[in-house]
Amino acid sequence: MEHISKYLTKDIKLSSYEDKLFKSDLMFVDHMLVWFISGETKIIQAESTFSFKTGDIFLIPRNELATIINYPKSGLPHKTVVMHLSSERLKKFYKKIDYKRQTQPHQKIYHFNNHPLLESCLASLIPYFDVESEFPESLATLKIEEAINILRLIDPSIDSVLANFDVPGKIDLVDFMQRNFMFNMPLEKLGYLTGRSLSTFNRDFKKLFNTTPQKWLTDKRLELAYYYLAEKKKKPTEIYLEVGFEDLSHFSFIFKKRYGVSPNQILLNRQ
């Protein structure tokens, strides 16, 4: 798999995947504004699935768990311009303006379908990726602030997300894990998102589930895979990434070890 990233600054990059697909489970530290030049992406969250294609623009808020699958399309690579909206930069931005803080930010993926202002802002960065000289930080600040102002113009409620700098508080661990078990995240990050240190996360998990996180996660992912195969009649190649496995062969091996038959056999038995 060939992945090429060109950085103007640490916050602005041009990303290209040439291979068949690329899958990752992510929790972004920064808000991510993404414009599709070519290719397709599927973003899977606990309660929603999104598909994006050429021309689409979307914003993923920070601290959101997601499985992201990138596909080349029509002989073209999966190619995007990505802008990081960091908390550090956003704090400086919001210090300069008057705004009304909303106490409950609405964490969701924002979709701006072929929006001309945002597309113009992000497309204006393309020529700079071919310039050998260093991209000035002052210009990066102008371009990122332009994007922020356009986002606020399109959707004023987005302040509730961009201007929220709180860290996750302690939340219900059972509910969180039941909704997010399909994401391959380090336990440290799962602990952070539930407002716990790693040691507290492991202790609370053992108390609530009476098993280790690793064993529980594997069992839940296999159960979901079985449901997709037996009830939804989906193919193993369609589901193994979405339920939290990285490799089809490994998925098939541990599925057969758990259920005594291969994923393909489950599918055949239900047809």
C-alpha atoms as a PDB file:
ATOM      1  CA  MET A   1       0.000   0.000   0.000  1.00  0.00           C
ATOM      2  CA  GLU A   2       1.349   3.390  -0.985  1.00  0.00           C
ATOM      3  CA  HIS A   3       0.317   6.325   1.177  1.00  0.00           C
ATOM      4  CA  ILE A   4       1.673   9.744   0.314  1.00  0.00           C
ATOM      5  CA  SER A   5       1.238  12.810   2.512  1.00  0.00           C
ATOM      6  CA  LYS A   6       2.527  16.268   1.661  1.00  0.00           C
ATOM      7  CA  TYR A   7       2.504  18.760   4.512  1.00  0.00           C
ATOM      8  CA  LEU A   8       2.312  22.520   4.101  1.00  0.00           C
ATOM      9  CA  THR A   9       2.374  22.771   7.895  1.00  0.00           C
ATOM     10  CA  LYS A  10       1.618  20.281  10.654  1.00  0.00           C
ATOM     11  CA  ASP A  11      -2.042  21.376  10.354  1.00  0.00           C
ATOM     12  CA  ILE A  12      -2.508  21.266   6.553  1.00  0.00           C
ATOM     13  CA  LYS A  13      -1.768  18.266   4.357  1.00  0.00           C
ATOM     14  CA  LEU A  14      -2.531  16.617   1.040  1.00  0.00           C
ATOM     15  CA  SER A  15      -3.161  12.887   1.576  1.00  0.00           C
ATOM     16  CA  SER A  16      -3.240  10.197  -1.118  1.00  0.00           C
ATOM     17  CA  TYR A  17      -3.832   6.418  -0.922  1.00  0.00           C
ATOM     18  CA  GLU A  18      -3.018   4.514  -4.111  1.00  0.00           C
ATOM     19  CA  ASP A  19      -3.905   0.978  -2.991  1.00  0.00           C
ATOM     20  CA  LYS A  20      -7.190  -0.945  -2.963  1.00  0.00           C
ATOM     21  CA  LEU A  21      -8.364   0.385   0.396  1.00  0.00           C
ATOM     22  CA  PHE A  22      -7.069   1.634   3.703  1.00  0.00           C
ATOM     23  CA  LYS A  23      -8.862   1.112   7.008  1.00  0.00           C
ATOM     24  CA  SER A  24      -8.125   2.717  10.363  1.00  0.00           C
ATOM     25  CA  ASP A  25      -9.856   3.106  13.712  1.00  0.00           C
ATOM     26  CA  LEU A  26      -9.301   6.636  14.912  1.00  0.00           C
ATOM     27  CA  MET A  27      -9.954   9.113  17.649  1.00  0.00           C
ATOM     28  CA  PHE A  28      -8.813  12.506  16.443  1.00  0.00           C
ATOM     29  CA  VAL A  29      -7.074  14.847  18.875  1.00  0.00           C
ATOM     30  CA  ASP A  30      -8.020  17.784  16.622  1.00  0.00           C
ATOM     31  CA  HIS A  31     -11.162  18.609  14.677  1.00  0.00           C
ATOM     32  CA  MET A  32     -10.561  17.465  11.089  1.00  0.00           C
ATOM     33  CA  LEU A  33     -11.867  19.357   8.046  1.00  0.00           C
ATOM     34  CA  VAL A  34     -11.586  17.173   4.931  1.00  0.00           C
ATOM     35  CA  TRP A  35     -12.194  17.915   1.240  1.00  0.00           C
ATOM     36  CA  PHE A  36     -12.359  15.033  -1.260  1.00  0.00           C
ATOM     37  CA  ILE A  37     -10.488  15.499  -4.508  1.00  0.00           C
ATOM     38  CA  SER A  38     -11.033  11.881  -5.599  1.00  0.00           C
ATOM     39  CA  GLY A  39     -11.947   8.507  -4.131  1.00  0.00           C
ATOM     40  CA  GLU A  40     -14.519   7.494  -1.536  1.00  0.00           C
ATOM     41  CA  THR A  41     -14.603   7.096   2.237  1.00  0.00           C
ATOM     42  CA  LYS A  42     -16.920   5.214   4.561  1.00  0.00           C
ATOM     43  CA  ILE A  43     -17.011   6.436   8.168  1.00  0.00           C
ATOM     44  CA  ILE A  44     -18.580   4.072  10.679  1.00  0.00           C
ATOM     45  CA  GLN A  45     -19.549   5.287  14.132  1.00  0.00           C
ATOM     46  CA  ALA A  46     -21.446   3.614  16.936  1.00  0.00           C
ATOM     47  CA  GLU A  47     -24.852   4.747  15.702  1.00  0.00           C
ATOM     48  CA  SER A  48     -24.264   6.073  12.169  1.00  0.00           C
ATOM     49  CA  THR A  49     -22.501   5.260   8.915  1.00  0.00           C
ATOM     50  CA  PHE A  50     -21.523   7.923   6.384  1.00  0.00           C
ATOM     51  CA  SER A  51     -20.243   7.685   2.806  1.00  0.00           C
ATOM     52  CA  PHE A  52     -18.340  10.522   1.171  1.00  0.00           C
ATOM     53  CA  LYS A  53     -17.157  10.962  -2.419  1.00  0.00           C
ATOM     54  CA  THR A  54     -15.436  13.410  -4.764  1.00  0.00           C
ATOM     55  CA  GLY A  55     -16.361  17.019  -3.984  1.00  0.00           C
ATOM     56  CA  ASP A  56     -17.685  16.318  -0.494  1.00  0.00           C
ATOM     57  CA  ILE A  57     -16.430  18.255   2.515  1.00  0.00           C
ATOM     58  CA  PHE A  58     -16.915  17.127   6.093  1.00  0.00           C
ATOM     59  CA  LEU A  59     -15.817  17.975   9.611  1.00  0.00           C
ATOM     60  CA  ILE A  60     -15.066  15.255  12.185  1.00  0.00           C
ATOM     61  CA  PRO A  61     -15.056  16.617  15.767  1.00  0.00           C
ATOM     62  CA  ARG A  62     -12.212  15.669  18.069  1.00  0.00           C
ATOM     63  CA  ASN A  63     -12.570  12.786  20.547  1.00  0.00           C
ATOM     64  CA  GLU A  64     -15.013  10.964  18.251  1.00  0.00           C
ATOM     65  CA  LEU A  65     -14.430   7.236  17.748  1.00  0.00           C
ATOM     66  CA  ALA A  66     -14.737   6.140  14.130  1.00  0.00           C
ATOM     67  CA  THR A  67     -13.729   3.410  11.711  1.00  0.00           C
ATOM     68  CA  ILE A  68     -12.599   5.036   8.475  1.00  0.00           C
ATOM     69  CA  ILE A  69     -12.264   3.046   5.233  1.00  0.00           C
ATOM     70  CA  ASN A  70     -10.700   4.871   2.279  1.00  0.00           C
ATOM     71  CA  TYR A  71     -11.180   3.604  -1.283  1.00  0.00           C
ATOM     72  CA  PRO A  72      -9.670   4.654  -4.608  1.00  0.00           C
ATOM     73  CA  LYS A  73     -12.378   5.115  -7.256  1.00  0.00           C
ATOM     74  CA  SER A  74     -12.560   5.029 -11.064  1.00  0.00           C
ATOM     75  CA  GLY A  75      -8.822   4.499 -11.415  1.00  0.00           C
ATOM     76  CA  LEU A  76      -8.004   7.533  -9.279  1.00  0.00           C
ATOM     77  CA  PRO A  77      -6.386   7.470  -5.822  1.00  0.00           C
ATOM     78  CA  HIS A  78      -8.156   8.366  -2.618  1.00  0.00           C
ATOM     79  CA  LYS A  79      -6.987  11.977  -2.400  1.00  0.00           C
ATOM     80  CA  THR A  80      -7.947  14.632   0.126  1.00  0.00           C
ATOM     81  CA  VAL A  81      -6.932  17.966   1.532  1.00  0.00           C
ATOM     82  CA  VAL A  82      -6.997  17.764   5.331  1.00  0.00           C
ATOM     83  CA  MET A  83      -6.989  20.703   7.719  1.00  0.00           C
ATOM     84  CA  HIS A  84      -6.445  20.169  11.458  1.00  0.00           C
ATOM     85  CA  LEU A  85      -8.365  22.619  13.656  1.00  0.00           C
ATOM     86  CA  SER A  86      -6.354  22.263  16.850  1.00  0.00           C
ATOM     87  CA  SER A  87      -7.550  23.358  20.283  1.00  0.00           C
ATOM     88  CA  GLU A  88      -4.538  25.651  20.549  1.00  0.00           C
ATOM     89  CA  ARG A  89      -5.412  27.489  17.343  1.00  0.00           C
ATOM     90  CA  LEU A  90      -9.142  27.585  18.112  1.00  0.00           C
ATOM     91  CA  LYS A  91      -8.528  29.077  21.561  1.00  0.00           C
ATOM     92  CA  LYS A  92      -6.606  31.939  19.957  1.00  0.00           C
ATOM     93  CA  PHE A  93      -9.385  32.418  17.394  1.00  0.00           C
ATOM     94  CA  TYR A  94     -12.221  32.543  19.912  1.00  0.00           C
ATOM     95  CA  LYS A  95     -10.350  34.939  22.200  1.00  0.00           C
ATOM     96  CA  LYS A  96     -10.641  37.553  19.449  1.00  0.00           C
ATOM     97  CA  ILE A  97     -14.403  37.346  18.902  1.00  0.00           C
ATOM     98  CA  ASP A  98     -17.666  37.569  20.811  1.00  0.00           C
ATOM     99  CA  TYR A  99     -19.749  34.419  20.802  1.00  0.00           C
ATOM    100  CA  LYS A 100     -22.325  32.743  22.986  1.00  0.00           C
ATOM    101  CA  ARG A 101     -21.063  29.444  24.374  1.00  0.00           C
ATOM    102  CA  GLN A 102     -23.565  26.594  24.291  1.00  0.00           C
ATOM    103  CA  THR A 103     -23.194  24.250  27.244  1.00  0.00           C
ATOM    104  CA  GLN A 104     -24.037  21.041  25.384  1.00  0.00           C
ATOM    105  CA  PRO A 105     -21.983  20.610  22.201  1.00  0.00           C
ATOM    106  CA  HIS A 106     -23.613  18.467  19.537  1.00  0.00           C
ATOM    107  CA  GLN A 107     -20.906  15.955  18.604  1.00  0.00           C
ATOM    108  CA  LYS A 108     -21.633  14.768  15.090  1.00  0.00           C
ATOM    109  CA  ILE A 109     -20.001  14.610  11.678  1.00  0.00           C
ATOM    110  CA  TYR A 110     -20.845  17.759   9.739  1.00  0.00           C
ATOM    111  CA  HIS A 111     -21.328  17.315   5.991  1.00  0.00           C
ATOM    112  CA  PHE A 112     -20.958  20.270   3.613  1.00  0.00           C
ATOM    113  CA  ASN A 113     -21.847  18.877   0.205  1.00  0.00           C
ATOM    114  CA  ASN A 114     -19.947  20.725  -2.541  1.00  0.00           C
ATOM    115  CA  HIS A 115     -20.157  23.996  -0.637  1.00  0.00           C
ATOM    116  CA  PRO A 116     -18.607  26.665  -2.893  1.00  0.00           C
ATOM    117  CA  LEU A 117     -17.045  28.813  -0.161  1.00  0.00           C
ATOM    118  CA  LEU A 118     -15.390  25.927   1.654  1.00  0.00           C
ATOM    119  CA  GLU A 119     -14.329  24.293  -1.599  1.00  0.00           C
ATOM    120  CA  SER A 120     -12.774  27.545  -2.809  1.00  0.00           C
ATOM    121  CA  CYS A 121     -10.905  27.952   0.495  1.00  0.00           C
ATOM    122  CA  LEU A 122      -9.471  24.423   0.436  1.00  0.00           C
ATOM    123  CA  ALA A 123      -8.824  24.325  -3.322  1.00  0.00           C
ATOM    124  CA  SER A 124      -6.735  27.493  -3.015  1.00  0.00           C
ATOM    125  CA  LEU A 125      -4.195  25.425  -1.042  1.00  0.00           C
ATOM    126  CA  ILE A 126      -3.490  22.994  -3.903  1.00  0.00           C
ATOM    127  CA  PRO A 127      -0.867  25.101  -5.770  1.00  0.00           C
ATOM    128  CA  TYR A 128       1.189  25.512  -2.592  1.00  0.00           C
ATOM    129  CA  PHE A 129       1.848  21.760  -2.365  1.00  0.00           C
ATOM    130  CA  ASP A 130       4.067  22.049  -5.476  1.00  0.00           C
ATOM    131  CA  VAL A 131       6.081  24.981  -4.146  1.00  0.00           C
ATOM    132  CA  GLU A 132       9.497  24.039  -2.773  1.00  0.00           C
ATOM    133  CA  SER A 133       9.822  26.950  -0.347  1.00  0.00           C
ATOM    134  CA  GLU A 134       8.472  26.778   3.201  1.00  0.00           C
ATOM    135  CA  PHE A 135       4.800  27.648   3.652  1.00  0.00           C
ATOM    136  CA  PRO A 136       4.615  30.701   5.958  1.00  0.00           C
ATOM    137  CA  GLU A 137       2.865  30.144   9.304  1.00  0.00           C
ATOM    138  CA  SER A 138       1.175  33.524   8.911  1.00  0.00           C
ATOM    139  CA  LEU A 139      -0.449  32.320   5.684  1.00  0.00           C
ATOM    140  CA  ALA A 140      -1.445  29.014   7.303  1.00  0.00           C
ATOM    141  CA  THR A 141      -3.162  30.979  10.071  1.00  0.00           C
ATOM    142  CA  LEU A 142      -5.040  33.081   7.509  1.00  0.00           C
ATOM    143  CA  LYS A 143      -6.243  30.022   5.579  1.00  0.00           C
ATOM    144  CA  ILE A 144      -7.332  28.126   8.694  1.00  0.00           C
ATOM    145  CA  GLU A 145      -9.130  31.164  10.113  1.00  0.00           C
ATOM    146  CA  GLU A 146     -10.824  31.636   6.746  1.00  0.00           C
ATOM    147  CA  ALA A 147     -12.101  28.059   6.959  1.00  0.00           C
ATOM    148  CA  ILE A 148     -13.310  28.562  10.546  1.00  0.00           C
ATOM    149  CA  ASN A 149     -15.173  31.743   9.589  1.00  0.00           C
ATOM    150  CA  ILE A 150     -16.835  29.982   6.651  1.00  0.00           C
ATOM    151  CA  LEU A 151     -17.900  27.089   8.893  1.00  0.00           C
ATOM    152  CA  ARG A 152     -19.437  29.573  11.362  1.00  0.00           C
ATOM    153  CA  LEU A 153     -21.209  31.352   8.509  1.00  0.00           C
ATOM    154  CA  ILE A 154     -22.665  28.112   7.167  1.00  0.00           C
ATOM    155  CA  ASP A 155     -23.715  26.767  10.587  1.00  0.00           C
ATOM    156  CA  PRO A 156     -23.575  29.145  13.586  1.00  0.00           C
ATOM    157  CA  SER A 157     -24.244  26.229  15.957  1.00  0.00           C
ATOM    158  CA  ILE A 158     -20.791  24.846  15.149  1.00  0.00           C
ATOM    159  CA  ASP A 159     -19.371  27.177  17.820  1.00  0.00           C
ATOM    160  CA  SER A 160     -20.669  24.696  20.384  1.00  0.00           C
ATOM    161  CA  VAL A 161     -18.158  22.169  19.024  1.00  0.00           C
ATOM    162  CA  LEU A 162     -15.206  24.302  17.946  1.00  0.00           C
ATOM    163  CA  ALA A 163     -15.222  26.446  21.099  1.00  0.00           C
ATOM    164  CA  ASN A 164     -15.594  23.520  23.485  1.00  0.00           C
ATOM    165  CA  PHE A 165     -12.228  22.754  25.095  1.00  0.00           C
ATOM    166  CA  ASP A 166     -13.415  20.490  27.912  1.00  0.00           C
ATOM    167  CA  VAL A 167     -11.811  17.096  28.469  1.00  0.00           C
ATOM    168  CA  PRO A 168     -14.098  14.053  28.707  1.00  0.00           C
ATOM    169  CA  GLY A 169     -15.624  13.524  32.149  1.00  0.00           C
ATOM    170  CA  LYS A 170     -16.282  10.189  33.821  1.00  0.00           C
ATOM    171  CA  ILE A 171     -19.172   8.465  32.086  1.00  0.00           C
ATOM    172  CA  ASP A 172     -21.082   5.169  32.239  1.00  0.00           C
ATOM    173  CA  LEU A 173     -18.538   2.530  31.203  1.00  0.00           C
ATOM    174  CA  VAL A 174     -21.051  -0.205  30.328  1.00  0.00           C
ATOM    175  CA  ASP A 175     -23.048   2.038  27.997  1.00  0.00           C
ATOM    176  CA  PHE A 176     -19.896   3.389  26.343  1.00  0.00           C
ATOM    177  CA  MET A 177     -18.395  -0.052  25.705  1.00  0.00           C
ATOM    178  CA  GLN A 178     -21.651  -1.511  24.401  1.00  0.00           C
ATOM    179  CA  ARG A 179     -21.796   1.285  21.810  1.00  0.00           C
ATOM    180  CA  ASN A 180     -18.111   1.388  20.856  1.00  0.00           C
ATOM    181  CA  PHE A 181     -16.682  -2.160  21.083  1.00  0.00           C
ATOM    182  CA  MET A 182     -16.060  -2.403  17.323  1.00  0.00           C
ATOM    183  CA  PHE A 183     -13.351   0.283  17.351  1.00  0.00           C
ATOM    184  CA  ASN A 184      -9.737  -0.870  17.672  1.00  0.00           C
ATOM    185  CA  MET A 185      -8.480   1.705  20.122  1.00  0.00           C
ATOM    186  CA  PRO A 186      -5.687   1.414  22.686  1.00  0.00           C
ATOM    187  CA  LEU A 187      -7.122   0.923  26.165  1.00  0.00           C
ATOM    188  CA  GLU A 188      -5.489   4.202  27.219  1.00  0.00           C
ATOM    189  CA  LYS A 189      -7.675   6.079  24.735  1.00  0.00           C
ATOM    190  CA  LEU A 190     -10.819   4.234  25.801  1.00  0.00           C
ATOM    191  CA  GLY A 191      -9.973   5.172  29.355  1.00  0.00           C
ATOM    192  CA  TYR A 192      -9.484   8.822  28.374  1.00  0.00           C
ATOM    193  CA  LEU A 193     -12.839   8.972  26.573  1.00  0.00           C
ATOM    194  CA  THR A 194     -14.614   7.564  29.633  1.00  0.00           C
ATOM    195  CA  GLY A 195     -12.836   9.949  32.022  1.00  0.00           C
ATOM    196  CA  ARG A 196     -10.523   7.323  33.530  1.00  0.00           C
ATOM    197  CA  SER A 197      -6.829   6.557  33.817  1.00  0.00           C
ATOM    198  CA  LEU A 198      -5.739   3.214  32.342  1.00  0.00           C
ATOM    199  CA  SER A 199      -5.525   1.588  35.766  1.00  0.00           C
ATOM    200  CA  THR A 200      -8.980   2.861  36.766  1.00  0.00           C
ATOM    201  CA  PHE A 201     -10.415   1.770  33.422  1.00  0.00           C
ATOM    202  CA  ASN A 202      -9.089  -1.778  33.851  1.00  0.00           C
ATOM    203  CA  ARG A 203     -10.271  -1.958  37.462  1.00  0.00           C
ATOM    204  CA  ASP A 204     -13.761  -0.665  36.665  1.00  0.00           C
ATOM    205  CA  PHE A 205     -14.018  -2.927  33.614  1.00  0.00           C
ATOM    206  CA  LYS A 206     -13.141  -6.052  35.592  1.00  0.00           C
ATOM    207  CA  LYS A 207     -15.689  -5.128  38.257  1.00  0.00           C
ATOM    208  CA  LEU A 208     -18.487  -4.468  35.761  1.00  0.00           C
ATOM    209  CA  PHE A 209     -17.865  -7.196  33.156  1.00  0.00           C
ATOM    210  CA  ASN A 210     -16.041  -9.841  35.209  1.00  0.00           C
ATOM    211  CA  THR A 211     -13.473 -10.362  32.447  1.00  0.00           C
ATOM    212  CA  THR A 212     -10.610  -8.545  30.730  1.00  0.00           C
ATOM    213  CA  PRO A 213     -11.252  -5.819  28.133  1.00  0.00           C
ATOM    214  CA  GLN A 214      -9.368  -7.769  25.455  1.00  0.00           C
ATOM    215  CA  LYS A 215     -11.452 -10.956  25.852  1.00  0.00           C
ATOM    216  CA  TRP A 216     -14.729  -9.063  26.095  1.00  0.00           C
ATOM    217  CA  LEU A 217     -13.960  -7.005  22.977  1.00  0.00           C
ATOM    218  CA  THR A 218     -13.111 -10.091  20.918  1.00  0.00           C
ATOM    219  CA  ASP A 219     -16.284 -11.885  22.036  1.00  0.00           C
ATOM    220  CA  LYS A 220     -18.503  -8.888  21.225  1.00  0.00           C
ATOM    221  CA  ARG A 221     -16.959  -8.456  17.782  1.00  0.00           C
ATOM    222  CA  LEU A 222     -17.461 -12.135  16.982  1.00  0.00           C
ATOM    223  CA  GLU A 223     -21.082 -11.951  18.125  1.00  0.00           C
ATOM    224  CA  LEU A 224     -21.715  -8.976  15.851  1.00  0.00           C
ATOM    225  CA  ALA A 225     -20.011 -10.761  12.957  1.00  0.00           C
ATOM    226  CA  TYR A 226     -22.197 -13.837  13.490  1.00  0.00           C
ATOM    227  CA  TYR A 227     -25.311 -11.641  13.420  1.00  0.00           C
ATOM    228  CA  TYR A 228     -24.272  -9.986  10.151  1.00  0.00           C
ATOM    229  CA  LEU A 229     -23.526 -13.350   8.542  1.00  0.00           C
ATOM    230  CA  ALA A 230     -26.527 -15.302   9.806  1.00  0.00           C
ATOM    231  CA  GLU A 231     -29.243 -12.659   9.880  1.00  0.00           C
ATOM    232  CA  LYS A 232     -28.139 -10.002   7.391  1.00  0.00           C
ATOM    233  CA  LYS A 233     -26.524 -12.526   5.002  1.00  0.00           C
ATOM    234  CA  LYS A 234     -23.482 -10.340   4.477  1.00  0.00           C
ATOM    235  CA  LYS A 235     -20.220 -11.737   3.146  1.00  0.00           C
ATOM    236  CA  PRO A 236     -17.154 -12.044   5.414  1.00  0.00           C
ATOM    237  CA  THR A 237     -15.273  -9.611   3.162  1.00  0.00           C
ATOM    238  CA  GLU A 238     -18.019  -7.029   3.738  1.00  0.00           C
ATOM    239  CA  ILE A 239     -18.049  -7.165   7.515  1.00  0.00           C
ATOM    240  CA  TYR A 240     -14.691  -8.083   9.040  1.00  0.00           C
ATOM    241  CA  LEU A 241     -13.391  -4.502   8.965  1.00  0.00           C
ATOM    242  CA  GLU A 242     -16.637  -3.020  10.253  1.00  0.00           C
ATOM    243  CA  VAL A 243     -16.854  -5.301  13.296  1.00  0.00           C
ATOM    244  CA  GLY A 244     -13.328  -4.489  14.419  1.00  0.00           C
ATOM    245  CA  PHE A 245     -10.915  -6.961  12.793  1.00  0.00           C
ATOM    246  CA  GLU A 246      -7.889  -5.906  10.763  1.00  0.00           C
ATOM    247  CA  ASP A 247      -7.188  -9.085   8.781  1.00  0.00           C
ATOM    248  CA  LEU A 248      -9.642 -11.408   7.010  1.00  0.00           C
ATOM    249  CA  SER A 249      -7.572 -14.553   7.623  1.00  0.00           C
ATOM    250  CA  HIS A 250      -7.239 -13.817  11.335  1.00  0.00           C
ATOM    251  CA  PHE A 251     -10.954 -13.080  11.566  1.00  0.00           C
ATOM    252  CA  SER A 252     -11.828 -16.383   9.864  1.00  0.00           C
ATOM    253  CA  PHE A 253      -9.455 -18.300  12.132  1.00  0.00           C
ATOM    254  CA  ILE A 254     -10.788 -17.026  15.452  1.00  0.00           C
ATOM    255  CA  PHE A 255     -14.404 -17.141  14.202  1.00  0.00           C
ATOM    256  CA  LYS A 256     -14.050 -20.849  13.433  1.00  0.00           C
ATOM    257  CA  LYS A 257     -12.304 -21.401  16.761  1.00  0.00           C
ATOM    258  CA  ARG A 258     -15.264 -19.793  18.553  1.00  0.00           C
ATOM    259  CA  TYR A 259     -18.193 -21.249  16.563  1.00  0.00           C
ATOM    260  CA  GLY A 260     -16.726 -24.439  15.078  1.00  0.00           C
ATOM    261  CA  VAL A 261     -17.465 -23.400  11.478  1.00  0.00           C
ATOM    262  CA  SER A 262     -16.021 -20.810   9.125  1.00  0.00           C
ATOM    263  CA  PRO A 263     -17.770 -17.492   8.407  1.00  0.00           C
ATOM    264  CA  ASN A 264     -18.463 -18.682   4.839  1.00  0.00           C
ATOM    265  CA  GLN A 265     -20.148 -21.824   6.178  1.00  0.00           C
ATOM    266  CA  ILE A 266     -22.501 -19.749   8.349  1.00  0.00           C
ATOM    267  CA  LEU A 267     -23.455 -17.777   5.261  1.00  0.00           C
ATOM    268  CA  LEU A 268     -24.021 -20.912   3.170  1.00  0.00           C
ATOM    269  CA  ASN A 269     -26.135 -22.550   5.884  1.00  0.00           C
ATOM    270  CA  ARG A 270     -28.508 -19.578   5.901  1.00  0.00           C
ATOM    271  CA  GLN A 271     -29.035 -19.392   2.166  1.00  0.00           C
END
